[in-house]
N, C-alpha and C. Protein backbone atom coordinates (compact mmCIF):
# COMPACT_ATOMS: atom_id res chain seq x y z
N MET A 1 10.77 9.00 -16.65
CA MET A 1 10.59 8.33 -17.86
C MET A 1 11.30 8.24 -19.04
N THR A 2 11.19 7.92 -19.97
CA THR A 2 12.35 7.49 -21.02
C THR A 2 12.66 8.35 -21.74
N PRO A 3 14.23 8.82 -21.49
CA PRO A 3 14.85 10.05 -22.49
C PRO A 3 13.98 10.21 -23.69
N SER A 4 13.88 11.47 -24.19
CA SER A 4 13.69 11.89 -25.19
C SER A 4 14.13 11.27 -26.31
N HIS A 5 15.36 10.75 -26.61
CA HIS A 5 15.82 9.96 -27.46
C HIS A 5 15.76 9.26 -28.11
N GLU A 6 15.07 8.07 -27.35
CA GLU A 6 14.58 7.07 -27.10
C GLU A 6 13.48 6.91 -27.70
N LEU A 7 12.25 7.66 -27.70
CA LEU A 7 11.13 7.77 -28.21
C LEU A 7 11.30 8.55 -29.86
N ARG A 8 12.34 8.80 -30.29
CA ARG A 8 12.78 8.72 -31.66
C ARG A 8 11.54 8.01 -32.43
N GLY A 9 10.45 8.86 -33.18
CA GLY A 9 9.37 7.60 -33.31
C GLY A 9 8.17 7.18 -33.08
N LYS A 10 8.34 7.12 -31.61
CA LYS A 10 6.87 6.63 -31.02
C LYS A 10 6.26 7.60 -31.17
N VAL A 11 4.99 6.60 -31.15
CA VAL A 11 3.90 7.49 -31.15
C VAL A 11 3.48 8.03 -29.67
N THR A 12 3.10 9.12 -29.32
CA THR A 12 3.21 9.66 -27.79
C THR A 12 1.60 10.62 -28.10
N ILE A 13 0.44 10.12 -27.33
CA ILE A 13 -0.34 11.20 -26.86
C ILE A 13 -0.54 11.95 -25.56
N VAL A 14 0.02 13.09 -25.85
CA VAL A 14 -0.16 13.72 -24.77
C VAL A 14 -1.56 14.50 -24.62
N THR A 15 -2.10 14.63 -23.36
CA THR A 15 -3.19 15.05 -23.45
C THR A 15 -2.98 16.63 -22.16
N GLY A 16 -4.10 17.71 -22.19
CA GLY A 16 -3.46 18.96 -21.67
C GLY A 16 -2.26 19.49 -22.63
N ALA A 17 -2.26 19.31 -23.46
CA ALA A 17 -1.03 19.48 -24.19
C ALA A 17 -0.90 21.21 -24.65
N SER A 18 -1.62 22.13 -23.86
CA SER A 18 -2.24 23.31 -24.78
C SER A 18 -0.72 24.50 -23.98
N THR A 19 -0.89 23.90 -22.50
CA THR A 19 -0.51 25.26 -21.47
C THR A 19 0.30 24.32 -20.70
N GLY A 20 1.53 24.78 -19.86
CA GLY A 20 2.23 24.44 -18.96
C GLY A 20 2.62 23.07 -18.67
N ILE A 21 2.24 22.14 -18.25
CA ILE A 21 3.40 20.94 -18.02
C ILE A 21 3.19 20.32 -19.30
N GLY A 22 1.56 20.49 -19.93
CA GLY A 22 1.69 19.87 -21.30
C GLY A 22 2.66 20.18 -22.37
N ARG A 23 2.38 21.30 -22.67
CA ARG A 23 3.40 21.96 -23.40
C ARG A 23 4.80 21.58 -23.33
N ALA A 24 5.02 22.02 -22.05
CA ALA A 24 6.36 21.92 -21.88
C ALA A 24 7.14 20.43 -22.34
N LEU A 25 6.52 19.31 -21.82
CA LEU A 25 6.27 18.17 -22.33
C LEU A 25 6.57 17.54 -23.79
N ALA A 26 5.33 18.33 -24.68
CA ALA A 26 5.31 18.14 -25.87
C ALA A 26 6.79 18.52 -26.88
N LEU A 27 7.04 19.60 -26.64
CA LEU A 27 8.63 20.48 -26.88
C LEU A 27 9.68 19.65 -26.42
N GLU A 28 9.71 18.72 -25.52
CA GLU A 28 11.04 17.81 -25.10
C GLU A 28 10.68 16.69 -25.94
N LEU A 29 9.44 16.46 -26.06
CA LEU A 29 9.32 15.13 -26.82
C LEU A 29 9.09 15.06 -28.11
N ALA A 30 10.04 15.69 -29.03
CA ALA A 30 9.14 16.91 -29.93
C ALA A 30 10.08 15.40 -31.40
N GLY A 31 11.19 14.60 -30.63
CA GLY A 31 11.18 13.71 -31.56
C GLY A 31 10.24 12.19 -31.53
N ALA A 32 9.63 12.46 -31.25
CA ALA A 32 8.69 11.31 -31.03
C ALA A 32 7.12 11.60 -31.95
N ALA A 33 6.51 10.87 -32.37
CA ALA A 33 5.50 11.07 -33.29
C ALA A 33 4.46 11.44 -32.28
N LEU A 34 3.72 12.58 -32.54
CA LEU A 34 2.64 13.51 -31.43
C LEU A 34 1.44 13.13 -31.53
N VAL A 35 0.73 13.07 -30.54
CA VAL A 35 -0.89 13.66 -31.05
C VAL A 35 -1.21 14.55 -29.49
N LEU A 36 -1.41 15.37 -30.08
CA LEU A 36 -1.34 16.62 -28.77
C LEU A 36 -3.27 16.73 -28.15
N ALA A 37 -4.00 16.89 -27.66
CA ALA A 37 -5.51 16.97 -27.05
C ALA A 37 -5.19 18.13 -26.21
N ALA A 38 -5.79 19.18 -26.55
CA ALA A 38 -6.20 19.77 -25.74
C ALA A 38 -8.17 20.29 -25.51
N ARG A 39 -8.78 21.15 -24.63
CA ARG A 39 -9.89 21.59 -25.29
C ARG A 39 -9.37 23.15 -26.38
N ASP A 40 -8.66 23.92 -25.90
CA ASP A 40 -8.36 25.01 -27.07
C ASP A 40 -7.63 24.65 -28.07
N GLU A 41 -8.53 24.69 -29.26
CA GLU A 41 -7.61 24.20 -30.62
C GLU A 41 -6.83 25.26 -30.82
N ARG A 42 -6.93 26.37 -30.96
CA ARG A 42 -5.96 27.35 -31.47
C ARG A 42 -4.27 27.37 -31.02
N THR A 43 -4.33 27.09 -29.26
CA THR A 43 -3.20 27.44 -28.40
C THR A 43 -2.42 25.76 -29.31
N LEU A 44 -3.63 25.10 -28.92
CA LEU A 44 -2.79 23.54 -29.26
C LEU A 44 -1.93 23.33 -30.85
N GLY A 45 -2.97 24.11 -31.60
CA GLY A 45 -2.72 24.23 -32.86
C GLY A 45 -0.89 24.86 -32.97
N GLN A 46 -0.83 25.77 -32.34
CA GLN A 46 0.39 26.59 -32.05
C GLN A 46 1.42 25.40 -31.42
N VAL A 47 1.07 24.93 -30.50
CA VAL A 47 2.05 23.77 -29.46
C VAL A 47 2.72 22.46 -30.65
N ALA A 48 1.51 22.25 -31.44
CA ALA A 48 2.56 21.60 -32.62
C ALA A 48 2.76 21.88 -33.68
N ALA A 49 2.47 23.25 -33.74
CA ALA A 49 3.31 23.72 -34.76
C ALA A 49 5.13 23.81 -34.60
N ASP A 50 4.72 23.95 -32.65
CA ASP A 50 6.01 24.51 -32.23
C ASP A 50 7.23 23.18 -32.14
N CYS A 51 6.10 22.00 -32.21
CA CYS A 51 7.08 20.97 -32.26
C CYS A 51 7.54 20.55 -33.07
N SER A 52 6.70 20.75 -34.54
CA SER A 52 6.87 20.12 -35.68
C SER A 52 8.19 21.09 -36.32
N GLU A 53 8.40 22.44 -35.66
CA GLU A 53 9.98 23.03 -36.29
C GLU A 53 11.05 22.75 -35.62
N ARG A 54 10.41 21.72 -34.14
CA ARG A 54 11.57 21.08 -33.76
C ARG A 54 11.97 19.27 -34.63
N GLY A 55 11.66 19.28 -35.39
CA GLY A 55 11.44 18.24 -36.01
C GLY A 55 10.55 16.88 -35.83
N ALA A 56 9.56 17.14 -35.06
CA ALA A 56 8.59 16.27 -34.78
C ALA A 56 7.69 16.08 -35.57
N ARG A 57 6.82 14.91 -35.50
CA ARG A 57 5.59 14.71 -36.45
C ARG A 57 4.69 15.03 -35.47
N ALA A 58 3.75 16.11 -35.71
CA ALA A 58 2.98 16.49 -34.43
C ALA A 58 1.67 17.23 -35.19
N ILE A 59 0.57 16.31 -34.53
CA ILE A 59 -0.74 16.79 -35.12
C ILE A 59 -1.64 16.99 -33.48
N ALA A 60 -2.83 17.88 -33.61
CA ALA A 60 -3.57 18.16 -33.12
C ALA A 60 -4.85 17.95 -33.26
N GLN A 61 -5.35 17.44 -31.61
CA GLN A 61 -6.60 17.13 -31.88
C GLN A 61 -7.61 17.56 -30.93
N ARG A 62 -8.50 18.20 -30.94
CA ARG A 62 -9.13 18.90 -29.83
C ARG A 62 -9.96 18.00 -28.99
N THR A 63 -10.00 18.12 -27.76
CA THR A 63 -10.45 16.88 -27.12
C THR A 63 -10.72 17.50 -25.41
N ASP A 64 -12.18 17.32 -25.25
CA ASP A 64 -12.78 17.74 -23.93
C ASP A 64 -12.54 16.27 -23.12
N VAL A 65 -11.53 15.29 -22.48
CA VAL A 65 -11.27 14.43 -21.74
C VAL A 65 -12.57 13.51 -21.32
N THR A 66 -13.53 15.00 -20.45
CA THR A 66 -15.15 14.29 -19.99
C THR A 66 -15.57 14.12 -20.72
N LEU A 67 -15.68 14.02 -22.63
CA LEU A 67 -16.39 13.60 -23.32
C LEU A 67 -15.72 12.15 -23.97
N ALA A 68 -17.03 11.01 -24.23
CA ALA A 68 -16.66 9.63 -24.21
C ALA A 68 -16.13 9.89 -25.62
N ALA A 69 -16.82 10.97 -26.58
CA ALA A 69 -17.21 10.93 -27.68
C ALA A 69 -15.61 11.45 -28.58
N ASP A 70 -14.96 12.04 -27.73
CA ASP A 70 -13.86 13.14 -27.81
C ASP A 70 -12.82 12.14 -27.44
N CYS A 71 -12.43 11.38 -26.63
CA CYS A 71 -11.33 10.34 -26.14
C CYS A 71 -11.42 9.44 -27.23
N SER A 72 -12.63 8.67 -27.52
CA SER A 72 -12.92 7.91 -28.98
C SER A 72 -11.71 8.67 -30.05
N ALA A 73 -12.15 9.57 -30.56
CA ALA A 73 -11.91 10.27 -31.22
C ALA A 73 -10.30 10.54 -31.58
N LEU A 74 -9.72 10.76 -30.41
CA LEU A 74 -8.09 11.19 -29.94
C LEU A 74 -7.61 9.78 -30.16
N VAL A 75 -7.77 8.46 -29.57
CA VAL A 75 -7.28 7.41 -30.01
C VAL A 75 -7.43 6.84 -31.22
N ASP A 76 -8.77 6.85 -31.74
CA ASP A 76 -8.79 6.41 -33.49
C ASP A 76 -8.06 7.11 -34.41
N ARG A 77 -8.01 9.03 -33.78
CA ARG A 77 -7.05 9.21 -34.98
C ARG A 77 -5.02 8.98 -34.53
N ALA A 78 -4.70 8.72 -33.41
CA ALA A 78 -4.01 8.39 -33.67
C ALA A 78 -3.01 7.06 -33.93
N VAL A 79 -3.97 6.29 -33.44
CA VAL A 79 -3.73 5.00 -34.88
C VAL A 79 -4.13 5.46 -36.39
N ALA A 80 -4.87 6.08 -36.79
CA ALA A 80 -5.40 6.20 -38.00
C ALA A 80 -4.25 6.73 -39.07
N GLU A 81 -3.59 7.66 -38.37
CA GLU A 81 -2.15 8.83 -38.21
C GLU A 81 -0.86 7.62 -38.72
N PHE A 82 -1.13 6.98 -37.33
CA PHE A 82 0.27 6.28 -37.20
C PHE A 82 0.62 5.25 -37.24
N GLY A 83 -0.81 4.25 -36.63
CA GLY A 83 -0.83 2.83 -36.91
C GLY A 83 -0.46 2.48 -35.56
N ARG A 84 -0.25 3.25 -34.36
CA ARG A 84 0.25 2.61 -32.96
C ARG A 84 0.05 3.50 -32.39
N ILE A 85 0.32 3.14 -30.39
CA ILE A 85 0.03 3.65 -29.64
C ILE A 85 0.98 3.59 -28.49
N ASP A 86 2.54 3.98 -28.94
CA ASP A 86 3.43 3.48 -27.77
C ASP A 86 3.77 4.29 -26.25
N MET A 87 2.98 5.80 -26.35
CA MET A 87 3.17 6.35 -25.02
C MET A 87 1.31 6.78 -24.55
N LEU A 88 0.59 6.78 -23.90
CA LEU A 88 -0.09 7.59 -23.49
C LEU A 88 0.38 8.27 -22.20
N VAL A 89 0.11 9.64 -22.27
CA VAL A 89 0.32 10.83 -21.41
C VAL A 89 -0.87 11.26 -20.83
N ASN A 90 -1.39 10.47 -19.46
CA ASN A 90 -2.64 11.40 -19.21
C ASN A 90 -2.17 12.88 -18.26
N ASN A 91 -2.50 13.50 -18.69
CA ASN A 91 -1.93 15.23 -18.38
C ASN A 91 -3.10 16.63 -18.04
N ALA A 92 -3.84 16.13 -18.35
CA ALA A 92 -4.95 16.89 -18.59
C ALA A 92 -5.45 17.39 -17.38
N GLY A 93 -5.88 18.27 -16.74
CA GLY A 93 -6.22 18.27 -15.57
C GLY A 93 -6.99 20.03 -14.84
N VAL A 94 -7.67 19.98 -13.99
CA VAL A 94 -7.90 21.00 -13.52
C VAL A 94 -7.44 20.80 -11.95
N SER A 95 -7.81 22.44 -11.47
CA SER A 95 -7.28 22.52 -10.18
C SER A 95 -8.04 23.48 -9.12
N MET A 96 -8.40 23.66 -7.83
CA MET A 96 -8.79 24.12 -7.50
C MET A 96 -8.45 25.37 -5.98
N SER A 97 -8.72 26.40 -5.65
CA SER A 97 -8.41 27.10 -4.61
C SER A 97 -9.32 27.66 -3.63
N ALA A 98 -10.09 27.05 -2.63
CA ALA A 98 -11.11 27.15 -1.94
C ALA A 98 -10.95 25.88 -0.48
N ARG A 99 -11.22 26.26 0.60
CA ARG A 99 -11.48 26.09 2.16
C ARG A 99 -13.12 25.22 1.78
N PHE A 100 -12.45 24.11 1.75
CA PHE A 100 -14.01 22.83 2.01
C PHE A 100 -15.05 23.74 2.49
N ASP A 101 -15.30 24.46 4.15
CA ASP A 101 -15.76 24.52 4.41
C ASP A 101 -16.71 25.89 4.00
N GLU A 102 -16.09 26.58 2.82
CA GLU A 102 -16.57 27.76 2.26
C GLU A 102 -17.21 27.43 0.73
N LEU A 103 -17.17 26.37 0.26
CA LEU A 103 -17.57 25.84 -0.71
C LEU A 103 -18.79 26.16 -0.75
N GLY A 104 -19.67 26.39 -2.08
CA GLY A 104 -21.83 26.88 -1.83
C GLY A 104 -22.08 25.51 -1.79
N ASP A 105 -21.04 24.65 -2.72
CA ASP A 105 -21.57 23.06 -3.50
C ASP A 105 -20.41 22.07 -4.16
N LEU A 106 -20.57 21.13 -3.84
CA LEU A 106 -19.70 20.17 -4.73
C LEU A 106 -19.68 20.11 -5.88
N GLY A 107 -20.14 20.88 -6.87
CA GLY A 107 -20.08 21.24 -7.99
C GLY A 107 -18.34 21.02 -8.26
N ILE A 108 -17.59 21.47 -7.75
CA ILE A 108 -16.40 21.78 -8.36
C ILE A 108 -15.81 20.18 -7.82
N PHE A 109 -16.01 19.45 -7.16
CA PHE A 109 -15.43 17.94 -6.75
C PHE A 109 -16.02 17.21 -7.91
N GLU A 110 -17.18 17.64 -8.70
CA GLU A 110 -17.60 16.41 -9.85
C GLU A 110 -16.76 16.82 -11.08
N ASP A 111 -16.50 17.93 -11.30
CA ASP A 111 -15.53 18.82 -12.54
C ASP A 111 -14.34 17.77 -11.83
N LEU A 112 -13.79 17.97 -10.79
CA LEU A 112 -12.56 17.55 -10.54
C LEU A 112 -12.15 16.34 -11.12
N LEU A 113 -13.03 15.17 -10.41
CA LEU A 113 -13.09 13.95 -10.79
C LEU A 113 -13.60 13.50 -12.15
N ARG A 114 -14.31 14.36 -12.99
CA ARG A 114 -14.46 13.65 -14.71
C ARG A 114 -13.04 14.03 -15.32
N VAL A 115 -12.42 15.15 -14.92
CA VAL A 115 -11.45 15.87 -15.83
C VAL A 115 -9.70 14.96 -14.91
N ASN A 116 -9.54 14.89 -13.59
CA ASN A 116 -8.28 14.70 -13.28
C ASN A 116 -8.59 12.90 -13.37
N PHE A 117 -9.74 12.51 -12.80
CA PHE A 117 -9.78 10.62 -12.67
C PHE A 117 -10.47 10.11 -13.63
N LEU A 118 -11.47 10.16 -14.12
CA LEU A 118 -12.39 9.36 -15.19
C LEU A 118 -11.94 9.86 -16.02
N GLY A 119 -11.12 11.32 -17.03
CA GLY A 119 -10.86 11.23 -18.11
C GLY A 119 -9.66 10.58 -18.35
N ALA A 120 -8.53 10.39 -17.13
CA ALA A 120 -7.77 9.33 -17.09
C ALA A 120 -7.81 7.87 -17.50
N ALA A 121 -9.17 7.68 -16.80
CA ALA A 121 -9.13 6.33 -16.84
C ALA A 121 -9.69 5.84 -18.27
N ARG A 122 -10.60 6.53 -18.68
CA ARG A 122 -11.33 6.18 -19.95
C ARG A 122 -10.43 6.32 -21.09
N LEU A 123 -9.40 7.30 -20.70
CA LEU A 123 -8.39 7.53 -22.19
C LEU A 123 -7.45 6.33 -22.00
N THR A 124 -6.82 4.98 -21.03
CA THR A 124 -6.10 4.82 -20.78
C THR A 124 -7.14 3.35 -20.71
N HIS A 125 -8.43 3.18 -20.52
CA HIS A 125 -9.09 1.91 -21.26
C HIS A 125 -9.36 1.63 -22.86
N LEU A 126 -8.98 2.90 -23.19
CA LEU A 126 -9.02 2.81 -24.66
C LEU A 126 -8.07 2.63 -25.63
N ALA A 127 -6.87 3.21 -25.00
CA ALA A 127 -5.41 3.12 -25.50
C ALA A 127 -4.89 1.73 -25.27
N LEU A 128 -5.82 1.44 -23.78
CA LEU A 128 -4.45 0.35 -23.38
C LEU A 128 -4.71 -1.14 -24.10
N PRO A 129 -5.34 -1.62 -25.32
CA PRO A 129 -5.12 -2.60 -26.28
C PRO A 129 -4.00 -2.14 -27.58
N HIS A 130 -3.58 -1.19 -27.56
CA HIS A 130 -3.18 -0.63 -28.64
C HIS A 130 -1.48 -0.52 -27.70
N LEU A 131 -1.57 -0.39 -26.46
CA LEU A 131 0.15 -0.04 -25.64
C LEU A 131 0.17 -1.64 -25.40
N LYS A 132 -0.34 -2.76 -25.12
CA LYS A 132 0.07 -4.26 -25.05
C LYS A 132 0.45 -4.42 -26.10
N ALA A 133 -0.22 -3.88 -27.12
CA ALA A 133 0.67 -4.31 -28.61
C ALA A 133 2.03 -3.77 -29.04
N SER A 134 2.10 -2.71 -28.44
CA SER A 134 2.98 -2.40 -28.48
C SER A 134 4.13 -2.10 -27.05
N LYS A 135 3.60 -2.84 -26.41
CA LYS A 135 4.75 -2.80 -25.09
C LYS A 135 5.12 -1.52 -24.77
N GLY A 136 3.84 -0.76 -24.81
CA GLY A 136 4.39 0.17 -24.08
C GLY A 136 4.54 0.86 -22.89
N ARG A 137 3.91 2.40 -22.85
CA ARG A 137 4.02 3.15 -21.34
C ARG A 137 3.06 4.06 -21.34
N LEU A 138 2.31 3.72 -20.12
CA LEU A 138 1.40 4.60 -19.60
C LEU A 138 2.01 5.84 -18.40
N VAL A 139 1.60 7.01 -18.81
CA VAL A 139 1.95 8.44 -17.20
C VAL A 139 0.83 8.65 -17.33
N ALA A 140 0.91 9.29 -15.94
CA ALA A 140 0.19 9.71 -15.43
C ALA A 140 0.88 10.95 -14.56
N VAL A 141 0.67 12.32 -15.00
CA VAL A 141 0.88 13.33 -14.17
C VAL A 141 -0.17 13.74 -12.92
N ALA A 142 0.45 13.17 -11.79
CA ALA A 142 -0.13 13.29 -10.74
C ALA A 142 -0.16 14.59 -10.07
N SER A 143 0.18 14.58 -8.82
CA SER A 143 0.93 15.95 -8.23
C SER A 143 1.58 15.28 -6.41
N VAL A 144 1.93 16.37 -6.05
CA VAL A 144 1.94 15.67 -4.55
C VAL A 144 1.29 15.62 -4.00
N ALA A 145 -0.38 16.60 -4.11
CA ALA A 145 -1.12 16.24 -3.60
C ALA A 145 -2.07 14.81 -3.97
N GLY A 146 -1.65 14.58 -4.25
CA GLY A 146 -1.83 13.06 -4.82
C GLY A 146 -1.18 11.97 -4.10
N VAL A 147 -0.48 12.48 -2.67
CA VAL A 147 0.25 11.60 -1.69
C VAL A 147 0.12 12.44 -0.10
N VAL A 148 -0.23 13.89 -0.32
CA VAL A 148 -0.26 14.21 0.85
C VAL A 148 -1.68 15.47 0.98
N GLY A 149 -2.21 15.82 1.93
CA GLY A 149 -3.17 16.31 2.18
C GLY A 149 -2.89 18.01 1.54
N VAL A 150 -3.66 19.08 0.87
CA VAL A 150 -2.82 20.46 0.80
C VAL A 150 -4.14 21.27 1.22
N PRO A 151 -3.94 22.04 1.54
CA PRO A 151 -5.11 22.95 2.35
C PRO A 151 -5.68 23.83 0.85
N THR A 152 -6.87 23.81 0.80
CA THR A 152 -7.57 24.79 0.11
C THR A 152 -7.58 23.52 -1.36
N ARG A 153 -7.07 22.61 -1.24
CA ARG A 153 -7.06 21.57 -2.99
C ARG A 153 -7.90 20.78 -2.21
N THR A 154 -9.01 20.08 -1.71
CA THR A 154 -9.46 19.19 -0.51
C THR A 154 -9.66 18.62 -2.29
N GLY A 155 -10.93 18.73 -3.04
CA GLY A 155 -11.05 18.21 -4.47
C GLY A 155 -10.28 17.66 -5.00
N TYR A 156 -9.19 18.62 -5.71
CA TYR A 156 -8.06 18.07 -6.16
C TYR A 156 -7.43 17.09 -5.51
N ALA A 157 -6.67 17.32 -4.63
CA ALA A 157 -5.96 15.80 -4.16
C ALA A 157 -6.94 14.93 -3.92
N ALA A 158 -8.17 14.83 -3.71
CA ALA A 158 -9.13 13.57 -4.06
C ALA A 158 -8.96 12.95 -5.34
N SER A 159 -8.83 14.10 -5.88
CA SER A 159 -8.94 13.23 -7.47
C SER A 159 -7.56 13.20 -7.73
N LYS A 160 -6.56 13.47 -7.58
CA LYS A 160 -5.42 13.08 -7.62
C LYS A 160 -4.83 11.58 -7.20
N HIS A 161 -5.72 11.73 -5.65
CA HIS A 161 -5.20 10.31 -4.90
C HIS A 161 -5.88 9.20 -5.83
N ALA A 162 -7.27 9.19 -6.32
CA ALA A 162 -7.64 8.56 -7.20
C ALA A 162 -6.79 8.40 -8.17
N LEU A 163 -6.61 9.54 -8.91
CA LEU A 163 -5.62 8.80 -9.93
C LEU A 163 -4.23 8.01 -10.25
N VAL A 164 -3.77 7.82 -8.43
CA VAL A 164 -2.70 7.83 -8.25
C VAL A 164 -2.74 6.23 -7.73
N GLY A 165 -3.97 5.76 -7.20
CA GLY A 165 -4.56 4.42 -6.65
C GLY A 165 -4.75 3.76 -7.82
N PHE A 166 -5.64 4.45 -9.27
CA PHE A 166 -5.60 3.13 -9.87
C PHE A 166 -4.35 3.08 -11.02
N CYS A 167 -3.55 3.88 -10.73
CA CYS A 167 -2.20 3.53 -11.08
C CYS A 167 -1.94 2.24 -11.09
N ASP A 168 -1.29 2.55 -9.68
CA ASP A 168 -0.95 1.73 -8.66
C ASP A 168 -1.33 0.57 -8.73
N SER A 169 -2.58 0.18 -8.91
CA SER A 169 -3.46 -1.45 -9.11
C SER A 169 -3.47 -1.87 -10.31
N LEU A 170 -3.08 -0.32 -11.51
CA LEU A 170 -3.30 -1.27 -13.25
C LEU A 170 -2.05 -1.70 -12.98
N ARG A 171 -0.94 -1.05 -12.55
CA ARG A 171 0.30 -1.66 -12.98
C ARG A 171 0.60 -2.77 -12.38
N VAL A 172 -0.04 -3.49 -11.10
CA VAL A 172 -0.16 -4.63 -10.80
C VAL A 172 -0.66 -5.50 -11.85
N GLU A 173 -1.85 -5.06 -12.33
CA GLU A 173 -2.60 -6.29 -13.37
C GLU A 173 -1.82 -6.25 -14.31
N LEU A 174 -0.94 -5.31 -14.90
CA LEU A 174 -0.38 -5.43 -16.04
C LEU A 174 1.12 -5.94 -16.38
N GLU A 175 1.60 -6.30 -15.06
CA GLU A 175 2.61 -7.37 -15.01
C GLU A 175 2.71 -8.61 -15.73
N GLY A 176 3.63 -8.73 -16.81
CA GLY A 176 3.72 -9.49 -17.15
C GLY A 176 2.87 -9.20 -19.13
N THR A 177 3.03 -7.86 -18.95
CA THR A 177 2.12 -7.73 -20.24
C THR A 177 2.73 -7.27 -21.33
N GLY A 178 3.97 -6.29 -20.49
CA GLY A 178 4.89 -5.45 -20.89
C GLY A 178 4.81 -4.14 -21.42
N VAL A 179 3.70 -3.36 -20.76
CA VAL A 179 3.36 -2.15 -20.17
C VAL A 179 3.87 -1.73 -19.21
N THR A 180 4.58 -0.44 -19.04
CA THR A 180 4.90 -0.28 -17.90
C THR A 180 4.01 1.32 -17.65
N VAL A 181 4.13 1.45 -16.19
CA VAL A 181 3.04 2.43 -15.61
C VAL A 181 3.89 3.30 -14.97
N THR A 182 3.63 4.71 -15.03
CA THR A 182 4.64 5.97 -14.84
C THR A 182 4.07 6.68 -14.10
N VAL A 183 3.94 7.12 -12.45
CA VAL A 183 3.33 7.99 -12.05
C VAL A 183 4.40 9.59 -11.76
N VAL A 184 3.83 10.40 -12.13
CA VAL A 184 5.11 11.51 -12.19
C VAL A 184 3.97 12.29 -10.50
N TYR A 185 4.91 13.10 -10.13
CA TYR A 185 4.37 14.28 -8.95
C TYR A 185 5.15 15.34 -8.96
N PRO A 186 4.50 16.39 -9.38
CA PRO A 186 5.11 17.72 -9.59
C PRO A 186 4.62 18.49 -8.54
N ASP A 187 5.60 19.19 -7.99
CA ASP A 187 5.24 20.26 -7.19
C ASP A 187 4.50 21.58 -7.79
N PHE A 188 4.20 23.24 -6.99
CA PHE A 188 3.35 23.90 -7.50
C PHE A 188 3.93 24.21 -9.42
N VAL A 189 3.99 24.08 -9.76
CA VAL A 189 4.29 24.84 -11.44
C VAL A 189 3.91 26.44 -11.75
N GLU A 190 4.68 26.86 -11.96
CA GLU A 190 4.37 28.62 -12.88
C GLU A 190 4.04 27.96 -14.12
N ARG A 191 2.39 29.04 -14.30
CA ARG A 191 2.27 28.76 -15.41
C ARG A 191 1.58 30.41 -15.51
N ASP A 192 1.06 30.43 -16.71
CA ASP A 192 0.05 31.69 -17.00
C ASP A 192 -0.88 31.97 -16.43
N PRO A 193 -1.33 33.16 -15.69
CA PRO A 193 -2.22 33.44 -15.00
C PRO A 193 -3.63 33.43 -15.92
N GLY A 194 -4.55 32.86 -15.35
CA GLY A 194 -5.56 33.33 -15.85
C GLY A 194 -5.45 31.30 -17.19
N ALA A 195 -5.09 30.70 -17.12
CA ALA A 195 -5.03 29.59 -18.00
C ALA A 195 -5.83 28.68 -18.04
N GLY A 196 -6.97 28.28 -18.51
CA GLY A 196 -7.99 27.64 -18.50
C GLY A 196 -8.50 27.38 -17.30
N LEU A 197 -8.94 28.99 -16.99
CA LEU A 197 -10.13 29.06 -15.84
C LEU A 197 -11.59 28.73 -16.61
N ARG A 198 -12.35 27.92 -15.59
CA ARG A 198 -14.00 27.83 -16.01
C ARG A 198 -14.48 28.86 -15.06
N PRO A 199 -15.40 29.01 -15.89
CA PRO A 199 -16.28 30.38 -15.45
C PRO A 199 -17.12 29.38 -14.73
N GLY A 200 -17.70 30.51 -13.22
CA GLY A 200 -18.69 30.10 -12.67
C GLY A 200 -17.66 28.70 -11.67
N ARG A 201 -16.62 28.27 -11.64
CA ARG A 201 -15.91 27.29 -10.71
C ARG A 201 -14.69 28.51 -10.49
N GLN A 202 -14.23 27.47 -9.10
CA GLN A 202 -12.53 28.46 -8.72
C GLN A 202 -12.14 26.68 -9.16
N ALA A 203 -11.85 27.19 -10.56
CA ALA A 203 -10.68 25.96 -10.67
C ALA A 203 -10.10 26.55 -12.17
N ALA A 204 -8.59 25.99 -11.95
CA ALA A 204 -7.75 26.21 -13.07
C ALA A 204 -7.55 25.12 -13.94
N GLY A 205 -7.06 24.90 -14.98
CA GLY A 205 -7.64 23.99 -15.80
C GLY A 205 -5.54 23.81 -16.82
N THR A 206 -5.46 22.65 -16.58
CA THR A 206 -4.05 22.66 -17.45
C THR A 206 -3.86 22.37 -18.74
N GLY A 207 -5.06 22.61 -19.69
CA GLY A 207 -4.98 22.31 -21.01
C GLY A 207 -6.58 21.68 -21.60
């Protein structure tokens, strides 16, 4: 990814910014103009304040990436506040921990795909005209599970494989437009226990 000093003043949307990778990334990108998105409004506001203390122009926008209206509002807010979008970081995600043959139903698969793949695809679709105008960058935070199978993560791995395939295909389509597509493959990440847990589901969110 572009070094943070080269992003000074660049308008950057980061989803899943309240915890984990998203929070750490927001703090590292504090030289940029940040539009931070997550479901937890209180925690997100604190991250925005921390970024502002580091010199960023940071705003918080409560966003559930599974909701079309929230995604539209996020992109509209970024453009209204800063006039452009230079980078979109699709980081929001949920995981799982369960053997496939022990699942009572496949509802968790639907949750995983809505957040990890469809949410990212929807935001990308909305932001792409602005990224083309700025010749900006699209970043997707995938996972090593997006390239290899991981036990007890069947649905998670499938959703990340979908995200990787989407980005690889889009990269080819966008050749010549000036928009670059970057996919990040983190390994296991230390996080706050219980952060983003969804009641009734064996899934943990990243903001």
